[in-house]
Amino acid sequence: MNIIIGSDHAGFDLKEKIRTFLFERNEFLVEDAGVFNREPVDYPIIAHHVAKNISEGKFERGILICGSGIGMSIVANKHRNVRAALCHNLYTVKFSRKHNDANILALGGRVLGDGLAFEMVDLFLQTNFEGGRHKRRLDKIEDW
């Protein structure tokens, strides 16, 4: 699976830890869209880059991290075919995939501990979309 990950300065530390977590598993191809340090940056730059790549089908899944995850999810969801889910626990991650076929996981670097974040990323990447009645509902989003 191809994954693109990005953060702003507030999400940088967690992004680096998640990137390393994914790299060590040796199961995924991961592209780091930045940022590459803690210098302040406007989060929409990174969010648009990641979401554009997901929208164009260049990557199967994306992960975006800012301080709260809110800004990244708002920006990402402006892109066609992007379903960015801001999640704070395993339940919301599980159903973002099963029912909503989320293709970007938005996380808050100032909200989550590392261990929970790793579990959330793992669940996001391992959980399949159920389809069926949920597919019909997702089609209504794109048809709007």
N, C-alpha and C. Protein backbone atom coordinates (compact mmCIF):
# COMPACT_ATOMS: atom_id res chain seq x y z
N MET A 1 0.85 -1.18 0.00
CA MET A 1 0.00 0.00 0.00
C MET A 1 0.89 1.24 0.00
N ASN A 2 0.54 2.22 -0.83
CA ASN A 2 1.25 3.48 -0.88
C ASN A 2 0.58 4.49 0.04
N ILE A 3 1.38 5.12 0.89
CA ILE A 3 0.86 6.06 1.88
C ILE A 3 1.63 7.36 1.76
N ILE A 4 0.91 8.47 1.89
CA ILE A 4 1.55 9.79 1.96
C ILE A 4 1.21 10.39 3.32
N ILE A 5 2.21 10.95 3.96
CA ILE A 5 2.04 11.51 5.30
C ILE A 5 2.58 12.92 5.33
N GLY A 6 1.90 13.79 6.05
CA GLY A 6 2.34 15.17 6.16
C GLY A 6 1.87 15.80 7.44
N SER A 7 2.56 16.86 7.84
CA SER A 7 2.19 17.57 9.06
C SER A 7 2.59 19.04 8.95
N ASP A 8 2.07 19.81 9.88
CA ASP A 8 2.60 21.15 10.08
C ASP A 8 3.59 21.06 11.23
N HIS A 9 4.06 22.19 11.70
CA HIS A 9 5.06 22.21 12.78
C HIS A 9 4.52 21.60 14.08
N ALA A 10 3.23 21.80 14.36
CA ALA A 10 2.63 21.26 15.59
C ALA A 10 2.49 19.74 15.55
N GLY A 11 2.44 19.18 14.37
CA GLY A 11 2.33 17.73 14.23
C GLY A 11 3.63 17.05 13.86
N PHE A 12 4.70 17.84 13.73
CA PHE A 12 5.98 17.30 13.25
C PHE A 12 6.50 16.13 14.08
N ASP A 13 6.53 16.26 15.39
CA ASP A 13 7.09 15.19 16.22
C ASP A 13 6.31 13.89 16.07
N LEU A 14 4.99 13.97 16.09
CA LEU A 14 4.18 12.76 15.93
C LEU A 14 4.33 12.19 14.52
N LYS A 15 4.40 13.06 13.52
CA LYS A 15 4.60 12.57 12.14
C LYS A 15 5.89 11.78 12.03
N GLU A 16 6.94 12.28 12.61
CA GLU A 16 8.22 11.58 12.55
C GLU A 16 8.15 10.21 13.21
N LYS A 17 7.46 10.14 14.34
CA LYS A 17 7.31 8.87 15.04
C LYS A 17 6.46 7.88 14.24
N ILE A 18 5.39 8.37 13.63
CA ILE A 18 4.53 7.50 12.82
C ILE A 18 5.26 7.06 11.57
N ARG A 19 5.99 7.95 10.95
CA ARG A 19 6.77 7.60 9.76
C ARG A 19 7.76 6.49 10.08
N THR A 20 8.44 6.60 11.20
CA THR A 20 9.39 5.57 11.63
C THR A 20 8.66 4.27 11.94
N PHE A 21 7.52 4.36 12.62
CA PHE A 21 6.69 3.19 12.93
C PHE A 21 6.32 2.45 11.66
N LEU A 22 5.90 3.17 10.63
CA LEU A 22 5.52 2.54 9.37
C LEU A 22 6.72 1.98 8.63
N PHE A 23 7.81 2.70 8.63
CA PHE A 23 9.03 2.25 7.95
C PHE A 23 9.53 0.94 8.56
N GLU A 24 9.53 0.85 9.88
CA GLU A 24 10.04 -0.34 10.57
C GLU A 24 9.17 -1.57 10.30
N ARG A 25 7.92 -1.38 9.97
CA ARG A 25 7.04 -2.51 9.67
C ARG A 25 7.34 -3.09 8.29
N ASN A 26 7.93 -2.30 7.43
CA ASN A 26 8.37 -2.76 6.11
C ASN A 26 7.21 -3.35 5.28
N GLU A 27 6.00 -2.81 5.48
CA GLU A 27 4.83 -3.28 4.74
C GLU A 27 4.32 -2.24 3.75
N PHE A 28 4.75 -1.01 3.90
CA PHE A 28 4.16 0.09 3.16
C PHE A 28 5.24 0.93 2.49
N LEU A 29 4.86 1.54 1.37
CA LEU A 29 5.69 2.57 0.76
C LEU A 29 5.17 3.89 1.29
N VAL A 30 6.03 4.67 1.94
CA VAL A 30 5.60 5.89 2.59
C VAL A 30 6.35 7.08 2.01
N GLU A 31 5.58 8.07 1.55
CA GLU A 31 6.18 9.33 1.11
C GLU A 31 5.91 10.39 2.16
N ASP A 32 6.96 11.08 2.56
CA ASP A 32 6.87 12.16 3.54
C ASP A 32 6.71 13.47 2.79
N ALA A 33 5.55 14.11 2.94
CA ALA A 33 5.26 15.37 2.26
C ALA A 33 5.70 16.59 3.08
N GLY A 34 6.38 16.34 4.19
CA GLY A 34 6.82 17.44 5.04
C GLY A 34 5.82 17.67 6.17
N VAL A 35 6.16 18.56 7.00
CA VAL A 35 7.32 19.41 7.08
C VAL A 35 8.49 18.61 7.62
N PHE A 36 9.66 19.23 7.54
CA PHE A 36 10.87 18.51 7.90
C PHE A 36 11.58 19.11 9.11
N ASN A 37 10.90 20.02 9.80
CA ASN A 37 11.42 20.61 11.03
C ASN A 37 10.27 21.28 11.77
N ARG A 38 10.57 21.91 12.89
CA ARG A 38 9.53 22.53 13.73
C ARG A 38 9.31 24.01 13.42
N GLU A 39 9.86 24.50 12.32
CA GLU A 39 9.65 25.90 11.94
C GLU A 39 8.18 26.11 11.57
N PRO A 40 7.57 27.20 12.00
CA PRO A 40 6.16 27.44 11.69
C PRO A 40 5.88 27.42 10.19
N VAL A 41 4.77 26.78 9.84
CA VAL A 41 4.32 26.69 8.45
C VAL A 41 2.80 26.73 8.46
N ASP A 42 2.21 27.21 7.40
CA ASP A 42 0.75 27.24 7.28
C ASP A 42 0.26 25.85 6.88
N TYR A 43 -0.54 25.24 7.73
CA TYR A 43 -0.98 23.86 7.52
C TYR A 43 -1.68 23.61 6.19
N PRO A 44 -2.41 24.60 5.61
CA PRO A 44 -3.08 24.29 4.33
C PRO A 44 -2.12 23.87 3.21
N ILE A 45 -0.90 24.34 3.25
CA ILE A 45 0.07 23.97 2.20
C ILE A 45 0.27 22.46 2.18
N ILE A 46 0.51 21.89 3.33
CA ILE A 46 0.75 20.44 3.43
C ILE A 46 -0.55 19.68 3.19
N ALA A 47 -1.64 20.14 3.77
CA ALA A 47 -2.92 19.44 3.62
C ALA A 47 -3.35 19.39 2.15
N HIS A 48 -3.22 20.49 1.43
CA HIS A 48 -3.57 20.50 0.01
C HIS A 48 -2.68 19.53 -0.78
N HIS A 49 -1.40 19.51 -0.47
CA HIS A 49 -0.48 18.62 -1.19
C HIS A 49 -0.87 17.15 -0.99
N VAL A 50 -1.07 16.76 0.24
CA VAL A 50 -1.44 15.36 0.53
C VAL A 50 -2.80 15.03 -0.09
N ALA A 51 -3.78 15.89 0.10
CA ALA A 51 -5.12 15.61 -0.42
C ALA A 51 -5.14 15.57 -1.95
N LYS A 52 -4.38 16.42 -2.60
CA LYS A 52 -4.31 16.41 -4.06
C LYS A 52 -3.78 15.07 -4.55
N ASN A 53 -2.76 14.56 -3.89
CA ASN A 53 -2.20 13.26 -4.27
C ASN A 53 -3.18 12.12 -4.04
N ILE A 54 -3.96 12.18 -2.99
CA ILE A 54 -4.99 11.17 -2.74
C ILE A 54 -6.09 11.31 -3.79
N SER A 55 -6.54 12.53 -4.04
CA SER A 55 -7.59 12.80 -5.00
C SER A 55 -7.24 12.28 -6.40
N GLU A 56 -5.98 12.42 -6.77
CA GLU A 56 -5.52 11.99 -8.09
C GLU A 56 -5.18 10.50 -8.14
N GLY A 57 -5.33 9.79 -7.02
CA GLY A 57 -5.08 8.36 -7.00
C GLY A 57 -3.61 7.97 -6.96
N LYS A 58 -2.74 8.89 -6.63
CA LYS A 58 -1.31 8.58 -6.58
C LYS A 58 -0.94 7.79 -5.33
N PHE A 59 -1.77 7.91 -4.30
CA PHE A 59 -1.58 7.17 -3.05
C PHE A 59 -2.93 6.62 -2.62
N GLU A 60 -2.90 5.46 -1.95
CA GLU A 60 -4.13 4.84 -1.48
C GLU A 60 -4.65 5.47 -0.20
N ARG A 61 -3.73 5.82 0.68
CA ARG A 61 -4.12 6.40 1.97
C ARG A 61 -3.17 7.53 2.33
N GLY A 62 -3.68 8.44 3.15
CA GLY A 62 -2.89 9.55 3.64
C GLY A 62 -3.07 9.73 5.12
N ILE A 63 -2.08 10.36 5.72
CA ILE A 63 -2.14 10.71 7.14
C ILE A 63 -1.72 12.17 7.25
N LEU A 64 -2.54 12.97 7.92
CA LEU A 64 -2.26 14.39 8.14
C LEU A 64 -2.28 14.68 9.63
N ILE A 65 -1.30 15.46 10.08
CA ILE A 65 -1.19 15.74 11.51
C ILE A 65 -0.90 17.22 11.71
N CYS A 66 -1.74 17.87 12.50
CA CYS A 66 -1.47 19.22 12.96
C CYS A 66 -1.70 19.22 14.48
N GLY A 67 -1.80 20.36 15.09
CA GLY A 67 -1.97 20.38 16.54
C GLY A 67 -3.20 19.64 17.01
N SER A 68 -4.34 19.94 16.38
CA SER A 68 -5.61 19.30 16.77
C SER A 68 -6.13 18.32 15.73
N GLY A 69 -5.65 18.42 14.50
CA GLY A 69 -6.17 17.62 13.40
C GLY A 69 -7.33 18.29 12.68
N ILE A 70 -7.90 19.31 13.28
CA ILE A 70 -9.09 19.96 12.72
C ILE A 70 -8.76 20.69 11.42
N GLY A 71 -7.76 21.54 11.45
CA GLY A 71 -7.43 22.32 10.26
C GLY A 71 -7.09 21.43 9.07
N MET A 72 -6.28 20.41 9.30
CA MET A 72 -5.89 19.50 8.22
C MET A 72 -7.11 18.82 7.62
N SER A 73 -8.03 18.37 8.47
CA SER A 73 -9.21 17.66 7.95
C SER A 73 -10.11 18.58 7.15
N ILE A 74 -10.26 19.81 7.58
CA ILE A 74 -11.09 20.77 6.86
C ILE A 74 -10.53 21.02 5.46
N VAL A 75 -9.24 21.26 5.38
CA VAL A 75 -8.60 21.53 4.08
C VAL A 75 -8.69 20.30 3.18
N ALA A 76 -8.33 19.15 3.70
CA ALA A 76 -8.29 17.93 2.89
C ALA A 76 -9.65 17.61 2.30
N ASN A 77 -10.71 17.82 3.05
CA ASN A 77 -12.05 17.48 2.57
C ASN A 77 -12.58 18.42 1.50
N LYS A 78 -11.84 19.43 1.15
CA LYS A 78 -12.22 20.30 0.03
C LYS A 78 -11.89 19.65 -1.32
N HIS A 79 -11.10 18.58 -1.30
CA HIS A 79 -10.67 17.92 -2.53
C HIS A 79 -11.64 16.80 -2.90
N ARG A 80 -11.92 16.70 -4.20
CA ARG A 80 -12.80 15.66 -4.72
C ARG A 80 -12.21 14.28 -4.43
N ASN A 81 -13.07 13.35 -4.08
CA ASN A 81 -12.69 11.95 -3.79
C ASN A 81 -11.86 11.79 -2.53
N VAL A 82 -11.79 12.81 -1.73
CA VAL A 82 -11.08 12.72 -0.46
C VAL A 82 -12.11 12.64 0.66
N ARG A 83 -11.86 11.70 1.55
CA ARG A 83 -12.67 11.55 2.75
C ARG A 83 -11.71 11.49 3.92
N ALA A 84 -11.43 12.68 4.45
CA ALA A 84 -10.51 12.79 5.58
C ALA A 84 -11.30 12.71 6.88
N ALA A 85 -10.87 11.83 7.74
CA ALA A 85 -11.57 11.63 9.02
C ALA A 85 -10.67 12.07 10.17
N LEU A 86 -11.16 13.01 10.95
CA LEU A 86 -10.48 13.42 12.16
C LEU A 86 -10.89 12.45 13.25
N CYS A 87 -9.93 11.70 13.76
CA CYS A 87 -10.23 10.66 14.74
C CYS A 87 -9.45 10.89 16.03
N HIS A 88 -10.08 10.49 17.14
CA HIS A 88 -9.45 10.65 18.45
C HIS A 88 -9.36 9.35 19.23
N ASN A 89 -9.90 8.27 18.68
CA ASN A 89 -9.87 6.99 19.38
C ASN A 89 -10.02 5.86 18.37
N LEU A 90 -9.90 4.64 18.84
CA LEU A 90 -9.95 3.48 17.94
C LEU A 90 -11.34 3.28 17.33
N TYR A 91 -12.38 3.60 18.07
CA TYR A 91 -13.74 3.44 17.56
C TYR A 91 -13.96 4.32 16.32
N THR A 92 -13.56 5.60 16.41
CA THR A 92 -13.79 6.49 15.29
C THR A 92 -12.92 6.10 14.09
N VAL A 93 -11.73 5.60 14.33
CA VAL A 93 -10.89 5.13 13.23
C VAL A 93 -11.55 3.94 12.54
N LYS A 94 -11.98 2.97 13.33
CA LYS A 94 -12.58 1.75 12.78
C LYS A 94 -13.76 2.08 11.86
N PHE A 95 -14.65 2.94 12.32
CA PHE A 95 -15.84 3.22 11.53
C PHE A 95 -15.59 4.24 10.43
N SER A 96 -14.52 5.01 10.55
CA SER A 96 -14.17 5.89 9.43
C SER A 96 -13.80 5.07 8.21
N ARG A 97 -13.25 3.90 8.44
CA ARG A 97 -12.89 2.99 7.34
C ARG A 97 -14.06 2.10 6.94
N LYS A 98 -14.69 1.43 7.91
CA LYS A 98 -15.74 0.46 7.61
C LYS A 98 -16.95 1.10 6.95
N HIS A 99 -17.37 2.26 7.43
CA HIS A 99 -18.60 2.87 6.94
C HIS A 99 -18.37 4.05 6.00
N ASN A 100 -17.25 4.74 6.14
CA ASN A 100 -17.03 5.96 5.36
C ASN A 100 -15.90 5.86 4.35
N ASP A 101 -15.21 4.72 4.33
CA ASP A 101 -14.09 4.52 3.41
C ASP A 101 -13.13 5.70 3.44
N ALA A 102 -12.83 6.20 4.64
CA ALA A 102 -11.90 7.33 4.78
C ALA A 102 -10.57 6.97 4.14
N ASN A 103 -10.02 7.90 3.38
CA ASN A 103 -8.72 7.64 2.76
C ASN A 103 -7.62 8.54 3.32
N ILE A 104 -7.99 9.45 4.20
CA ILE A 104 -7.01 10.23 4.95
C ILE A 104 -7.40 10.20 6.42
N LEU A 105 -6.43 9.90 7.26
CA LEU A 105 -6.59 9.94 8.70
C LEU A 105 -5.97 11.24 9.20
N ALA A 106 -6.78 12.08 9.85
CA ALA A 106 -6.30 13.33 10.43
C ALA A 106 -6.15 13.13 11.93
N LEU A 107 -4.99 13.51 12.44
CA LEU A 107 -4.68 13.34 13.85
C LEU A 107 -4.20 14.64 14.47
N GLY A 108 -4.38 14.75 15.78
CA GLY A 108 -3.90 15.91 16.53
C GLY A 108 -2.63 15.57 17.28
N GLY A 109 -1.54 16.17 16.87
CA GLY A 109 -0.26 15.92 17.52
C GLY A 109 -0.22 16.39 18.97
N ARG A 110 -1.04 17.36 19.31
CA ARG A 110 -1.09 17.88 20.68
C ARG A 110 -2.20 17.21 21.50
N VAL A 111 -2.89 16.25 20.87
CA VAL A 111 -4.04 15.61 21.51
C VAL A 111 -3.76 14.15 21.87
N LEU A 112 -2.97 13.47 21.05
CA LEU A 112 -2.79 12.03 21.18
C LEU A 112 -1.42 11.65 21.73
N GLY A 113 -1.39 10.58 22.50
CA GLY A 113 -0.13 9.97 22.90
C GLY A 113 0.38 9.08 21.78
N ASP A 114 1.67 8.81 21.79
CA ASP A 114 2.29 8.03 20.72
C ASP A 114 1.67 6.64 20.58
N GLY A 115 1.50 5.94 21.69
CA GLY A 115 1.00 4.57 21.64
C GLY A 115 -0.37 4.48 21.00
N LEU A 116 -1.28 5.35 21.41
CA LEU A 116 -2.61 5.36 20.82
C LEU A 116 -2.54 5.75 19.35
N ALA A 117 -1.71 6.71 19.02
CA ALA A 117 -1.58 7.12 17.62
C ALA A 117 -1.10 5.95 16.75
N PHE A 118 -0.15 5.17 17.24
CA PHE A 118 0.33 4.00 16.48
C PHE A 118 -0.79 2.99 16.27
N GLU A 119 -1.57 2.74 17.32
CA GLU A 119 -2.70 1.81 17.21
C GLU A 119 -3.73 2.33 16.21
N MET A 120 -3.98 3.62 16.23
CA MET A 120 -4.95 4.22 15.31
C MET A 120 -4.49 4.10 13.87
N VAL A 121 -3.23 4.38 13.63
CA VAL A 121 -2.68 4.27 12.27
C VAL A 121 -2.77 2.83 11.79
N ASP A 122 -2.38 1.91 12.65
CA ASP A 122 -2.44 0.49 12.28
C ASP A 122 -3.86 0.08 11.93
N LEU A 123 -4.83 0.46 12.75
CA LEU A 123 -6.23 0.12 12.50
C LEU A 123 -6.72 0.77 11.20
N PHE A 124 -6.35 2.01 10.97
CA PHE A 124 -6.73 2.72 9.76
C PHE A 124 -6.23 2.00 8.51
N LEU A 125 -5.03 1.48 8.57
CA LEU A 125 -4.44 0.82 7.40
C LEU A 125 -4.92 -0.62 7.23
N GLN A 126 -5.37 -1.26 8.29
CA GLN A 126 -5.78 -2.66 8.22
C GLN A 126 -7.28 -2.87 8.04
N THR A 127 -8.08 -1.85 8.29
CA THR A 127 -9.54 -2.01 8.24
C THR A 127 -10.05 -1.77 6.82
N ASN A 128 -10.91 -2.66 6.37
CA ASN A 128 -11.49 -2.56 5.03
C ASN A 128 -12.85 -1.88 5.07
N PHE A 129 -13.21 -1.28 3.96
CA PHE A 129 -14.52 -0.67 3.76
C PHE A 129 -15.54 -1.79 3.57
N GLU A 130 -16.70 -1.67 4.21
CA GLU A 130 -17.74 -2.69 4.12
C GLU A 130 -18.55 -2.63 2.83
N GLY A 131 -18.60 -1.48 2.19
CA GLY A 131 -19.38 -1.36 0.96
C GLY A 131 -20.87 -1.42 1.24
N GLY A 132 -21.63 -2.03 0.33
CA GLY A 132 -23.07 -2.19 0.51
C GLY A 132 -23.78 -0.87 0.68
N ARG A 133 -24.61 -0.78 1.71
CA ARG A 133 -25.39 0.44 1.93
C ARG A 133 -24.50 1.65 2.15
N HIS A 134 -23.29 1.42 2.64
CA HIS A 134 -22.35 2.52 2.87
C HIS A 134 -21.83 3.09 1.56
N LYS A 135 -21.64 2.24 0.57
CA LYS A 135 -21.20 2.70 -0.75
C LYS A 135 -22.26 3.61 -1.37
N ARG A 136 -23.50 3.23 -1.25
CA ARG A 136 -24.60 4.04 -1.78
C ARG A 136 -24.59 5.43 -1.15
N ARG A 137 -24.30 5.48 0.12
CA ARG A 137 -24.27 6.77 0.82
C ARG A 137 -23.07 7.61 0.40
N LEU A 138 -21.94 6.96 0.21
CA LEU A 138 -20.76 7.70 -0.25
C LEU A 138 -20.97 8.24 -1.66
N ASP A 139 -21.66 7.50 -2.49
CA ASP A 139 -21.94 7.98 -3.85
C ASP A 139 -22.74 9.28 -3.80
N LYS A 140 -23.59 9.42 -2.82
CA LYS A 140 -24.39 10.65 -2.69
C LYS A 140 -23.52 11.86 -2.35
N ILE A 141 -22.39 11.64 -1.73
CA ILE A 141 -21.46 12.73 -1.45
C ILE A 141 -20.86 13.24 -2.76
N GLU A 142 -20.37 12.33 -3.55
CA GLU A 142 -19.72 12.69 -4.81
C GLU A 142 -20.70 13.24 -5.83
N ASP A 143 -21.97 12.79 -5.77
CA ASP A 143 -22.99 13.23 -6.73
C ASP A 143 -23.53 14.61 -6.43
N TRP A 144 -23.26 15.13 -5.27
CA TRP A 144 -23.84 16.41 -4.83
C TRP A 144 -23.41 17.55 -5.70
